[in-house]
Amino acid sequence: SMIVAAVIRNISDHAEGLPVPMQE
């Protein structure tokens, strides 16, 4: 799960339309 989360985060860092609300 940590690995998948990290993948989602890094995709979000370089792609529009996939926000990752880190505070929440």
PDB file of all heavy atoms in Angstrom:
ATOM      1  N   SER A   1       0.826  -1.210   0.000  1.00  0.00           N
ATOM      2  CA  SER A   1       0.000   0.000   0.000  1.00  0.00           C
ATOM      3  C   SER A   1       0.860   1.260   0.000  1.00  0.00           C
ATOM      4  O   SER A   1       0.526   2.255  -0.660  1.00  0.00           O
ATOM      5  CB  SER A   1      -0.921  -0.002   1.227  1.00  0.00           C
ATOM      6  OG  SER A   1      -1.767  -1.131   1.221  1.00  0.00           O
ATOM      7  N   MET A   2       1.961   1.249   0.738  1.00  0.00           N
ATOM      8  CA  MET A   2       2.875   2.394   0.745  1.00  0.00           C
ATOM      9  C   MET A   2       3.450   2.645  -0.639  1.00  0.00           C
ATOM     10  O   MET A   2       3.553   3.792  -1.089  1.00  0.00           O
ATOM     11  CB  MET A   2       4.013   2.173   1.745  1.00  0.00           C
ATOM     12  CG  MET A   2       3.663   2.404   3.192  1.00  0.00           C
ATOM     13  SD  MET A   2       5.113   2.283   4.273  1.00  0.00           S
ATOM     14  CE  MET A   2       6.039   3.734   3.786  1.00  0.00           C
ATOM     15  N   ILE A   3       3.815   1.567  -1.331  1.00  0.00           N
ATOM     16  CA  ILE A   3       4.404   1.701  -2.662  1.00  0.00           C
ATOM     17  C   ILE A   3       3.379   2.291  -3.640  1.00  0.00           C
ATOM     18  O   ILE A   3       3.682   3.204  -4.417  1.00  0.00           O
ATOM     19  CB  ILE A   3       4.917   0.336  -3.161  1.00  0.00           C
ATOM     20  CG1 ILE A   3       6.112  -0.107  -2.317  1.00  0.00           C
ATOM     21  CG2 ILE A   3       5.294   0.402  -4.637  1.00  0.00           C
ATOM     22  CD1 ILE A   3       6.591  -1.513  -2.625  1.00  0.00           C
ATOM     23  N   VAL A   4       2.158   1.768  -3.595  1.00  0.00           N
ATOM     24  CA  VAL A   4       1.105   2.281  -4.478  1.00  0.00           C
ATOM     25  C   VAL A   4       0.835   3.760  -4.183  1.00  0.00           C
ATOM     26  O   VAL A   4       0.681   4.578  -5.100  1.00  0.00           O
ATOM     27  CB  VAL A   4      -0.185   1.456  -4.321  1.00  0.00           C
ATOM     28  CG1 VAL A   4      -1.323   2.095  -5.114  1.00  0.00           C
ATOM     29  CG2 VAL A   4       0.044   0.026  -4.794  1.00  0.00           C
ATOM     30  N   ALA A   5       0.782   4.108  -2.898  1.00  0.00           N
ATOM     31  CA  ALA A   5       0.563   5.504  -2.521  1.00  0.00           C
ATOM     32  C   ALA A   5       1.671   6.397  -3.059  1.00  0.00           C
ATOM     33  O   ALA A   5       1.418   7.507  -3.545  1.00  0.00           O
ATOM     34  CB  ALA A   5       0.476   5.626  -0.998  1.00  0.00           C
ATOM     35  N   ALA A   6       2.917   5.921  -2.973  1.00  0.00           N
ATOM     36  CA  ALA A   6       4.043   6.707  -3.477  1.00  0.00           C
ATOM     37  C   ALA A   6       3.950   6.894  -4.991  1.00  0.00           C
ATOM     38  O   ALA A   6       4.264   7.974  -5.518  1.00  0.00           O
ATOM     39  CB  ALA A   6       5.360   6.017  -3.114  1.00  0.00           C
ATOM     40  N   VAL A   7       3.502   5.861  -5.697  1.00  0.00           N
ATOM     41  CA  VAL A   7       3.326   5.968  -7.151  1.00  0.00           C
ATOM     42  C   VAL A   7       2.266   7.011  -7.487  1.00  0.00           C
ATOM     43  O   VAL A   7       2.461   7.866  -8.368  1.00  0.00           O
ATOM     44  CB  VAL A   7       2.948   4.597  -7.749  1.00  0.00           C
ATOM     45  CG1 VAL A   7       2.547   4.744  -9.217  1.00  0.00           C
ATOM     46  CG2 VAL A   7       4.113   3.621  -7.623  1.00  0.00           C
ATOM     47  N   ILE A   8       1.136   6.951  -6.785  1.00  0.00           N
ATOM     48  CA  ILE A   8       0.070   7.934  -7.014  1.00  0.00           C
ATOM     49  C   ILE A   8       0.574   9.344  -6.755  1.00  0.00           C
ATOM     50  O   ILE A   8       0.304  10.280  -7.531  1.00  0.00           O
ATOM     51  CB  ILE A   8      -1.142   7.628  -6.117  1.00  0.00           C
ATOM     52  CG1 ILE A   8      -1.779   6.293  -6.516  1.00  0.00           C
ATOM     53  CG2 ILE A   8      -2.181   8.755  -6.211  1.00  0.00           C
ATOM     54  CD1 ILE A   8      -2.898   5.844  -5.591  1.00  0.00           C
ATOM     55  N   ARG A   9       1.327   9.509  -5.667  1.00  0.00           N
ATOM     56  CA  ARG A   9       1.848  10.846  -5.327  1.00  0.00           C
ATOM     57  C   ARG A   9       2.760  11.379  -6.417  1.00  0.00           C
ATOM     58  O   ARG A   9       2.663  12.545  -6.829  1.00  0.00           O
ATOM     59  CB  ARG A   9       2.586  10.785  -3.994  1.00  0.00           C
ATOM     60  CG  ARG A   9       3.395  12.035  -3.655  1.00  0.00           C
ATOM     61  CD  ARG A   9       2.507  13.266  -3.472  1.00  0.00           C
ATOM     62  NE  ARG A   9       3.296  14.481  -3.378  1.00  0.00           N
ATOM     63  CZ  ARG A   9       3.764  14.985  -2.249  1.00  0.00           C
ATOM     64  NH1 ARG A   9       3.538  14.368  -1.105  1.00  0.00           N
ATOM     65  NH2 ARG A   9       4.443  16.110  -2.262  1.00  0.00           N
ATOM     66  N   ASN A  10       3.661  10.539  -6.927  1.00  0.00           N
ATOM     67  CA  ASN A  10       4.623  11.013  -7.916  1.00  0.00           C
ATOM     68  C   ASN A  10       3.973  11.251  -9.272  1.00  0.00           C
ATOM     69  O   ASN A  10       4.412  12.126 -10.027  1.00  0.00           O
ATOM     70  CB  ASN A  10       5.784  10.029  -8.016  1.00  0.00           C
ATOM     71  CG  ASN A  10       6.768  10.181  -6.865  1.00  0.00           C
ATOM     72  OD1 ASN A  10       7.640  11.038  -6.885  1.00  0.00           O
ATOM     73  ND2 ASN A  10       6.608   9.354  -5.841  1.00  0.00           N
ATOM     74  N   ILE A  11       2.946  10.475  -9.600  1.00  0.00           N
ATOM     75  CA  ILE A  11       2.171  10.778 -10.812  1.00  0.00           C
ATOM     76  C   ILE A  11       1.476  12.126 -10.653  1.00  0.00           C
ATOM     77  O   ILE A  11       1.458  12.958 -11.561  1.00  0.00           O
ATOM     78  CB  ILE A  11       1.138   9.664 -11.081  1.00  0.00           C
ATOM     79  CG1 ILE A  11       1.853   8.363 -11.472  1.00  0.00           C
ATOM     80  CG2 ILE A  11       0.167  10.089 -12.182  1.00  0.00           C
ATOM     81  CD1 ILE A  11       0.913   7.182 -11.620  1.00  0.00           C
ATOM     82  N   SER A  12       0.930  12.347  -9.460  1.00  0.00           N
ATOM     83  CA  SER A  12       0.247  13.604  -9.184  1.00  0.00           C
ATOM     84  C   SER A  12       1.185  14.795  -9.281  1.00  0.00           C
ATOM     85  O   SER A  12       0.789  15.879  -9.719  1.00  0.00           O
ATOM     86  CB  SER A  12      -0.377  13.555  -7.787  1.00  0.00           C
ATOM     87  OG  SER A  12      -0.909  14.807  -7.422  1.00  0.00           O
ATOM     88  N   ASP A  13       2.442  14.609  -8.886  1.00  0.00           N
ATOM     89  CA  ASP A  13       3.417  15.700  -8.930  1.00  0.00           C
ATOM     90  C   ASP A  13       3.674  16.192 -10.354  1.00  0.00           C
ATOM     91  O   ASP A  13       4.115  17.324 -10.549  1.00  0.00           O
ATOM     92  CB  ASP A  13       4.747  15.253  -8.310  1.00  0.00           C
ATOM     93  CG  ASP A  13       4.651  15.136  -6.795  1.00  0.00           C
ATOM     94  OD1 ASP A  13       3.685  15.660  -6.210  1.00  0.00           O
ATOM     95  OD2 ASP A  13       5.552  14.515  -6.189  1.00  0.00           O
ATOM     96  N   HIS A  14       3.429  15.321 -11.341  1.00  0.00           N
ATOM     97  CA  HIS A  14       3.760  15.683 -12.717  1.00  0.00           C
ATOM     98  C   HIS A  14       2.565  15.622 -13.652  1.00  0.00           C
ATOM     99  O   HIS A  14       2.722  15.705 -14.871  1.00  0.00           O
ATOM    100  CB  HIS A  14       4.856  14.749 -13.244  1.00  0.00           C
ATOM    101  CG  HIS A  14       6.136  14.825 -12.457  1.00  0.00           C
ATOM    102  ND1 HIS A  14       6.402  13.990 -11.382  1.00  0.00           N
ATOM    103  CD2 HIS A  14       7.208  15.648 -12.556  1.00  0.00           C
ATOM    104  CE1 HIS A  14       7.576  14.295 -10.873  1.00  0.00           C
ATOM    105  NE2 HIS A  14       8.094  15.295 -11.561  1.00  0.00           N
ATOM    106  N   ALA A  15       1.364  15.463 -13.099  1.00  0.00           N
ATOM    107  CA  ALA A  15       0.180  15.380 -13.950  1.00  0.00           C
ATOM    108  C   ALA A  15      -0.935  16.250 -13.379  1.00  0.00           C
ATOM    109  O   ALA A  15      -1.149  16.282 -12.167  1.00  0.00           O
ATOM    110  CB  ALA A  15      -0.286  13.924 -14.066  1.00  0.00           C
ATOM    111  N   GLU A  16      -1.625  16.921 -14.250  1.00  0.00           N
ATOM    112  CA  GLU A  16      -2.758  17.730 -13.834  1.00  0.00           C
ATOM    113  C   GLU A  16      -4.006  16.851 -13.731  1.00  0.00           C
ATOM    114  O   GLU A  16      -4.139  15.843 -14.410  1.00  0.00           O
ATOM    115  CB  GLU A  16      -2.993  18.874 -14.828  1.00  0.00           C
ATOM    116  CG  GLU A  16      -1.850  19.878 -14.882  1.00  0.00           C
ATOM    117  CD  GLU A  16      -2.156  21.040 -15.811  1.00  0.00           C
ATOM    118  OE1 GLU A  16      -3.282  21.060 -16.366  1.00  0.00           O
ATOM    119  OE2 GLU A  16      -1.283  21.904 -15.987  1.00  0.00           O
ATOM    120  N   GLY A  17      -4.916  17.250 -12.890  1.00  0.00           N
ATOM    121  CA  GLY A  17      -6.167  16.525 -12.769  1.00  0.00           C
ATOM    122  C   GLY A  17      -6.155  15.396 -11.755  1.00  0.00           C
ATOM    123  O   GLY A  17      -7.148  14.683 -11.610  1.00  0.00           O
ATOM    124  N   LEU A  18      -5.024  15.207 -11.057  1.00  0.00           N
ATOM    125  CA  LEU A  18      -4.963  14.178 -10.019  1.00  0.00           C
ATOM    126  C   LEU A  18      -4.381  14.793  -8.747  1.00  0.00           C
ATOM    127  O   LEU A  18      -3.240  14.534  -8.369  1.00  0.00           O
ATOM    128  CB  LEU A  18      -4.111  12.990 -10.475  1.00  0.00           C
ATOM    129  CG  LEU A  18      -4.014  11.804  -9.501  1.00  0.00           C
ATOM    130  CD1 LEU A  18      -5.379  11.206  -9.206  1.00  0.00           C
ATOM    131  CD2 LEU A  18      -3.053  10.743 -10.025  1.00  0.00           C
ATOM    132  N   PRO A  19      -5.137  15.630  -8.083  1.00  0.00           N
ATOM    133  CA  PRO A  19      -4.630  16.278  -6.869  1.00  0.00           C
ATOM    134  C   PRO A  19      -4.504  15.299  -5.716  1.00  0.00           C
ATOM    135  O   PRO A  19      -5.273  14.339  -5.597  1.00  0.00           O
ATOM    136  CB  PRO A  19      -5.684  17.346  -6.572  1.00  0.00           C
ATOM    137  CG  PRO A  19      -6.943  16.786  -7.149  1.00  0.00           C
ATOM    138  CD  PRO A  19      -6.525  16.036  -8.387  1.00  0.00           C
ATOM    139  N   VAL A  20      -3.515  15.537  -4.878  1.00  0.00           N
ATOM    140  CA  VAL A  20      -3.320  14.745  -3.661  1.00  0.00           C
ATOM    141  C   VAL A  20      -3.361  15.712  -2.482  1.00  0.00           C
ATOM    142  O   VAL A  20      -2.379  16.407  -2.211  1.00  0.00           O
ATOM    143  CB  VAL A  20      -1.980  13.976  -3.684  1.00  0.00           C
ATOM    144  CG1 VAL A  20      -1.752  13.270  -2.359  1.00  0.00           C
ATOM    145  CG2 VAL A  20      -1.970  12.970  -4.825  1.00  0.00           C
ATOM    146  N   PRO A  21      -4.493  15.805  -1.791  1.00  0.00           N
ATOM    147  CA  PRO A  21      -4.626  16.756  -0.679  1.00  0.00           C
ATOM    148  C   PRO A  21      -3.891  16.270   0.568  1.00  0.00           C
ATOM    149  O   PRO A  21      -4.443  15.554   1.409  1.00  0.00           O
ATOM    150  CB  PRO A  21      -6.139  16.813  -0.457  1.00  0.00           C
ATOM    151  CG  PRO A  21      -6.629  15.466  -0.882  1.00  0.00           C
ATOM    152  CD  PRO A  21      -5.729  15.032  -2.013  1.00  0.00           C
ATOM    153  N   MET A  22      -2.626  16.675   0.698  1.00  0.00           N
ATOM    154  CA  MET A  22      -1.770  16.105   1.730  1.00  0.00           C
ATOM    155  C   MET A  22      -2.196  16.454   3.146  1.00  0.00           C
ATOM    156  O   MET A  22      -1.976  15.680   4.079  1.00  0.00           O
ATOM    157  CB  MET A  22      -0.320  16.551   1.503  1.00  0.00           C
ATOM    158  CG  MET A  22       0.366  15.846   0.348  1.00  0.00           C
ATOM    159  SD  MET A  22       0.328  14.039   0.478  1.00  0.00           S
ATOM    160  CE  MET A  22       1.175  13.775   2.033  1.00  0.00           C
ATOM    161  N   GLN A  23      -2.801  17.612   3.344  1.00  0.00           N
ATOM    162  CA  GLN A  23      -3.231  17.963   4.692  1.00  0.00           C
ATOM    163  C   GLN A  23      -4.316  16.992   5.173  1.00  0.00           C
ATOM    164  O   GLN A  23      -4.264  16.491   6.296  1.00  0.00           O
ATOM    165  CB  GLN A  23      -3.754  19.392   4.748  1.00  0.00           C
ATOM    166  CG  GLN A  23      -4.074  19.860   6.171  1.00  0.00           C
ATOM    167  CD  GLN A  23      -4.560  21.304   6.215  1.00  0.00           C
ATOM    168  OE1 GLN A  23      -4.886  21.891   5.195  1.00  0.00           O
ATOM    169  NE2 GLN A  23      -4.606  21.861   7.397  1.00  0.00           N
ATOM    170  N   GLU A  24      -5.287  16.713   4.311  1.00  0.00           N
ATOM    171  CA  GLU A  24      -6.347  15.786   4.671  1.00  0.00           C
ATOM    172  C   GLU A  24      -5.821  14.357   4.790  1.00  0.00           C
ATOM    173  O   GLU A  24      -6.242  13.597   5.668  1.00  0.00           O
ATOM    174  CB  GLU A  24      -7.483  15.846   3.642  1.00  0.00           C
ATOM    175  CG  GLU A  24      -8.328  17.099   3.728  1.00  0.00           C
ATOM    176  CD  GLU A  24      -7.696  18.299   3.029  1.00  0.00           C
ATOM    177  OE1 GLU A  24      -6.576  18.172   2.506  1.00  0.00           O
ATOM    178  OE2 GLU A  24      -8.331  19.371   3.002  1.00  0.00           O
TER     179      GLU A  24
END
